[in-house]
């Protein structure tokens, strides 16, 4: 697999939709995750990220303009003990509840499929990070229609043990900005992670399409201690 330039991946796609990046800093001390949302409709763009406990949730920037909340209001990030869960929908809660009950990440997603928003049938992308006893591992999942056919759900899970310093993976919902929106294809993209949190946050935000970007969440977690720093950027302020 070829390592891709994350800046070019973002700037070269006007609508990757929602995206998750997971990886480790070059100095090997931090686990990194980032999650962004974009929108083409007024309803999708009318959102902000806000903190909720150790995680975040989406909420309407202008509640009076909120239309259908079913697929846009959810908790993208939740923390369960040593696990940080990041997803693009309310399956965050499904994973949290399943893992709390003793299921694996993959098992907990068996009751979920892609989003019911035909003709796009947006994939559900999900990730879980485990940081325990100075060790860091992560897994990424995508649940998608069978090449746009909602009669079948294709399920893929990718697990990364002891990730290499300076490397990460990027998964997003849409392959390109056309109609209907085609689902992400293949393995999560192999990308570079930066040591400097501000630099990494700015790089992500500045290369998301100006018209379509909505919100960005970035978290750097100290692998030795579990302590973390979070940044949230909202277009609506």
Protein backbone atom coordinates (compact mmCIF):
# COMPACT_ATOMS: atom_id res chain seq x y z
CA UNK A 1 0.00 0.00 0.00
CA UNK A 2 1.21 3.50 -0.82
CA UNK A 3 1.32 6.10 1.93
CA UNK A 4 -0.90 8.97 0.86
CA UNK A 5 -0.60 12.68 1.59
CA UNK A 6 -3.54 13.49 3.84
CA UNK A 7 -3.50 17.14 2.83
CA UNK A 8 -3.85 16.16 -0.83
CA UNK A 9 -6.53 13.55 -0.04
CA UNK A 10 -8.68 16.19 1.64
CA UNK A 11 -8.08 19.06 -0.75
CA UNK A 12 -8.63 16.81 -3.76
CA UNK A 13 -12.14 15.72 -2.77
CA UNK A 14 -14.79 18.40 -2.39
CA UNK A 15 -17.07 16.04 -0.48
CA UNK A 16 -15.50 13.08 1.35
CA UNK A 17 -18.51 13.40 3.68
CA UNK A 18 -17.59 12.34 7.20
CA UNK A 19 -14.10 11.10 7.97
CA UNK A 20 -12.06 9.50 10.74
CA UNK A 21 -8.27 9.51 11.14
CA UNK A 22 -6.50 7.31 13.72
CA UNK A 23 -2.76 6.95 14.28
CA UNK A 24 0.32 7.59 16.39
CA UNK A 25 2.57 10.64 16.56
CA UNK A 26 6.09 10.42 15.12
CA UNK A 27 7.61 10.60 18.61
CA UNK A 28 5.55 7.54 19.57
CA UNK A 29 4.03 9.10 22.68
CA UNK A 30 0.51 10.04 21.57
CA UNK A 31 -2.46 8.22 20.10
CA UNK A 32 -4.30 10.51 17.70
CA UNK A 33 -7.85 10.63 16.41
CA UNK A 34 -9.69 13.16 14.29
CA UNK A 35 -13.30 13.22 13.11
CA UNK A 36 -14.87 15.70 10.72
CA UNK A 37 -18.35 16.26 9.34
CA UNK A 38 -19.39 18.01 6.15
CA UNK A 39 -22.73 18.93 4.65
CA UNK A 40 -24.33 19.86 1.36
CA UNK A 41 -27.86 20.54 2.65
CA UNK A 42 -28.85 23.38 4.98
CA UNK A 43 -29.92 20.79 7.57
CA UNK A 44 -26.52 19.06 7.54
CA UNK A 45 -24.66 22.36 7.69
CA UNK A 46 -26.70 23.59 10.66
CA UNK A 47 -24.53 21.77 13.21
CA UNK A 48 -21.74 22.21 15.72
CA UNK A 49 -19.68 19.87 17.90
CA UNK A 50 -20.03 20.31 21.66
CA UNK A 51 -18.37 18.39 24.49
CA UNK A 52 -20.36 15.80 26.40
CA UNK A 53 -18.56 14.07 29.25
CA UNK A 54 -15.31 12.66 27.86
CA UNK A 55 -16.77 12.64 24.35
CA UNK A 56 -18.63 14.98 22.03
CA UNK A 57 -22.02 15.23 20.38
CA UNK A 58 -23.54 17.17 17.52
CA UNK A 59 -26.26 19.72 18.05
CA UNK A 60 -28.14 22.18 15.90
CA UNK A 61 -26.43 25.56 15.61
CA UNK A 62 -29.82 27.20 15.06
CA UNK A 63 -32.51 24.94 16.62
CA UNK A 64 -35.26 26.85 14.81
CA UNK A 65 -33.87 25.65 11.46
CA UNK A 66 -33.45 21.99 12.45
CA UNK A 67 -35.37 19.74 10.05
CA UNK A 68 -34.77 15.97 10.34
CA UNK A 69 -32.46 15.18 13.29
CA UNK A 70 -32.42 11.41 12.76
CA UNK A 71 -29.09 11.08 10.94
CA UNK A 72 -27.32 14.29 11.95
CA UNK A 73 -27.74 14.53 15.76
CA UNK A 74 -25.68 11.91 17.59
CA UNK A 75 -22.61 11.37 19.79
CA UNK A 76 -19.61 10.75 17.48
CA UNK A 77 -17.17 10.16 20.36
CA UNK A 78 -17.63 8.26 23.63
CA UNK A 79 -15.13 6.80 26.11
CA UNK A 80 -15.55 3.41 27.80
CA UNK A 81 -12.77 2.72 30.26
CA UNK A 82 -9.60 2.36 28.13
CA UNK A 83 -11.56 2.51 24.88
CA UNK A 84 -12.25 5.62 22.80
CA UNK A 85 -15.06 5.04 20.29
CA UNK A 86 -15.38 7.28 17.21
CA UNK A 87 -18.11 6.88 14.59
CA UNK A 88 -20.17 8.81 12.04
CA UNK A 89 -23.57 8.05 13.59
CA UNK A 90 -25.57 6.76 16.50
CA UNK A 91 -23.78 3.41 16.25
CA UNK A 92 -21.38 4.98 18.76
CA UNK A 93 -23.98 4.08 21.36
CA UNK A 94 -24.44 0.60 19.90
CA UNK A 95 -20.70 -0.09 20.19
CA UNK A 96 -20.51 1.42 23.67
CA UNK A 97 -23.41 -0.69 24.95
CA UNK A 98 -22.19 -3.86 23.23
CA UNK A 99 -18.64 -3.59 24.52
CA UNK A 100 -19.89 -2.70 28.01
CA UNK A 101 -21.86 -5.97 27.88
CA UNK A 102 -18.78 -7.98 26.90
CA UNK A 103 -19.10 -8.04 23.12
CA UNK A 104 -16.24 -7.24 20.77
CA UNK A 105 -16.20 -4.17 18.57
CA UNK A 106 -17.12 -6.26 15.54
CA UNK A 107 -19.86 -8.22 17.34
CA UNK A 108 -21.54 -5.05 18.60
CA UNK A 109 -21.96 -3.79 15.02
CA UNK A 110 -23.72 -6.93 13.80
CA UNK A 111 -27.11 -5.38 14.53
CA UNK A 112 -26.35 -2.29 12.44
CA UNK A 113 -26.12 -1.60 8.70
CA UNK A 114 -25.46 1.38 6.41
CA UNK A 115 -27.68 4.45 6.79
CA UNK A 116 -31.21 4.32 5.27
CA UNK A 117 -30.70 7.41 3.13
CA UNK A 118 -31.12 6.05 -0.40
CA UNK A 119 -29.93 6.51 -3.06
CA UNK A 120 -26.65 7.22 -1.24
CA UNK A 121 -26.93 4.55 1.49
CA UNK A 122 -24.17 6.28 3.43
CA UNK A 123 -21.69 3.82 4.98
CA UNK A 124 -21.38 3.62 8.74
CA UNK A 125 -17.72 4.11 9.59
CA UNK A 126 -16.60 3.28 13.11
CA UNK A 127 -13.35 3.07 15.06
CA UNK A 128 -12.23 2.00 18.50
CA UNK A 129 -8.92 2.86 20.15
CA UNK A 130 -7.55 0.93 23.12
CA UNK A 131 -4.91 2.52 25.33
CA UNK A 132 -3.88 0.38 28.29
CA UNK A 133 -0.65 -0.34 30.18
CA UNK A 134 1.35 1.83 27.81
CA UNK A 135 0.07 0.00 24.73
CA UNK A 136 -2.06 1.36 21.88
CA UNK A 137 -4.12 -0.58 19.34
CA UNK A 138 -7.04 0.37 17.11
CA UNK A 139 -9.63 -1.07 14.76
CA UNK A 140 -11.72 0.49 11.99
CA UNK A 141 -14.99 -0.73 10.47
CA UNK A 142 -17.15 0.10 7.50
CA UNK A 143 -20.69 -1.16 6.88
CA UNK A 144 -21.76 -0.40 3.33
CA UNK A 145 -24.32 -1.34 0.71
CA UNK A 146 -23.31 -3.81 -1.96
CA UNK A 147 -22.10 -1.30 -4.57
CA UNK A 148 -25.20 0.81 -4.04
CA UNK A 149 -27.57 -2.15 -3.74
CA UNK A 150 -29.30 -1.99 -0.33
CA UNK A 151 -30.38 -5.64 -0.53
CA UNK A 152 -27.02 -6.65 0.97
CA UNK A 153 -24.72 -5.19 3.63
CA UNK A 154 -20.97 -5.64 3.22
CA UNK A 155 -19.02 -5.58 6.49
CA UNK A 156 -15.29 -4.90 6.78
CA UNK A 157 -13.13 -4.63 9.91
CA UNK A 158 -9.45 -3.62 9.91
CA UNK A 159 -7.34 -4.11 13.03
CA UNK A 160 -4.01 -2.39 13.68
CA UNK A 161 -1.89 -3.72 16.55
CA UNK A 162 1.08 -1.72 17.85
CA UNK A 163 0.79 0.98 15.16
CA UNK A 164 4.02 2.45 13.88
CA UNK A 165 5.00 5.93 15.08
CA UNK A 166 4.15 8.67 12.59
CA UNK A 167 1.59 6.55 10.74
CA UNK A 168 -2.18 6.37 10.72
CA UNK A 169 -5.23 5.44 8.69
CA UNK A 170 -8.01 7.53 7.17
CA UNK A 171 -11.50 6.32 6.31
CA UNK A 172 -14.37 8.43 5.00
CA UNK A 173 -17.89 7.91 3.75
CA UNK A 174 -17.83 8.97 0.09
CA UNK A 175 -15.34 8.19 -2.66
CA UNK A 176 -16.11 11.34 -4.65
CA UNK A 177 -18.54 14.23 -5.01
CA UNK A 178 -21.05 12.96 -7.57
CA UNK A 179 -24.71 11.90 -7.44
CA UNK A 180 -25.59 9.47 -6.04
CA UNK A 181 -22.64 9.57 -3.67
CA UNK A 182 -20.49 6.42 -4.07
CA UNK A 183 -19.28 4.69 -0.92
CA UNK A 184 -15.65 4.60 0.21
CA UNK A 185 -13.78 1.67 -1.35
CA UNK A 186 -10.88 -0.50 -0.20
CA UNK A 187 -8.77 -0.46 2.95
CA UNK A 188 -8.46 2.64 5.12
CA UNK A 189 -5.89 4.95 3.57
CA UNK A 190 -2.36 4.88 4.98
CA UNK A 191 -1.42 8.44 5.97
CA UNK A 192 1.06 10.46 7.99
CA UNK A 193 0.39 11.79 11.52
CA UNK A 194 2.04 14.92 12.95
CA UNK A 195 3.54 15.51 16.40
CA UNK A 196 2.14 19.03 16.73
CA UNK A 197 -1.57 19.00 17.53
CA UNK A 198 -2.19 22.57 16.39
CA UNK A 199 -0.40 21.95 13.10
CA UNK A 200 -2.35 18.74 12.50
CA UNK A 201 -5.69 20.37 13.35
CA UNK A 202 -5.01 23.35 11.09
CA UNK A 203 -3.90 21.11 8.22
CA UNK A 204 -7.12 19.10 8.40
CA UNK A 205 -9.43 22.09 8.69
CA UNK A 206 -7.75 24.21 6.04
CA UNK A 207 -7.90 21.43 3.44
CA UNK A 208 -11.56 20.52 3.87
CA UNK A 209 -13.76 22.15 1.22
CA UNK A 210 -14.70 25.62 2.43
CA UNK A 211 -18.34 25.39 1.34
CA UNK A 212 -19.00 21.92 2.71
CA UNK A 213 -16.99 21.64 5.93
CA UNK A 214 -18.96 21.90 9.17
CA UNK A 215 -17.01 20.72 12.23
CA UNK A 216 -13.76 19.04 13.25
CA UNK A 217 -12.72 17.15 16.40
CA UNK A 218 -9.09 16.25 17.19
CA UNK A 219 -7.77 14.43 20.24
CA UNK A 220 -4.21 13.55 21.25
CA UNK A 221 -3.98 10.93 24.02
CA UNK A 222 -0.81 10.27 26.02
CA UNK A 223 -0.20 6.54 25.64
CA UNK A 224 1.69 6.29 28.95
CA UNK A 225 -0.87 8.11 31.11
CA UNK A 226 -4.16 8.16 29.19
CA UNK A 227 -4.44 11.93 29.62
CA UNK A 228 -5.71 13.73 26.56
CA UNK A 229 -6.06 17.12 24.89
CA UNK A 230 -9.01 17.92 22.65
CA UNK A 231 -9.61 20.56 20.00
CA UNK A 232 -12.95 21.36 18.37
CA UNK A 233 -13.34 23.62 15.34
CA UNK A 234 -16.83 24.69 14.24
CA UNK A 235 -17.60 26.67 11.11
CA UNK A 236 -20.73 27.98 12.82
CA UNK A 237 -19.64 30.17 15.71
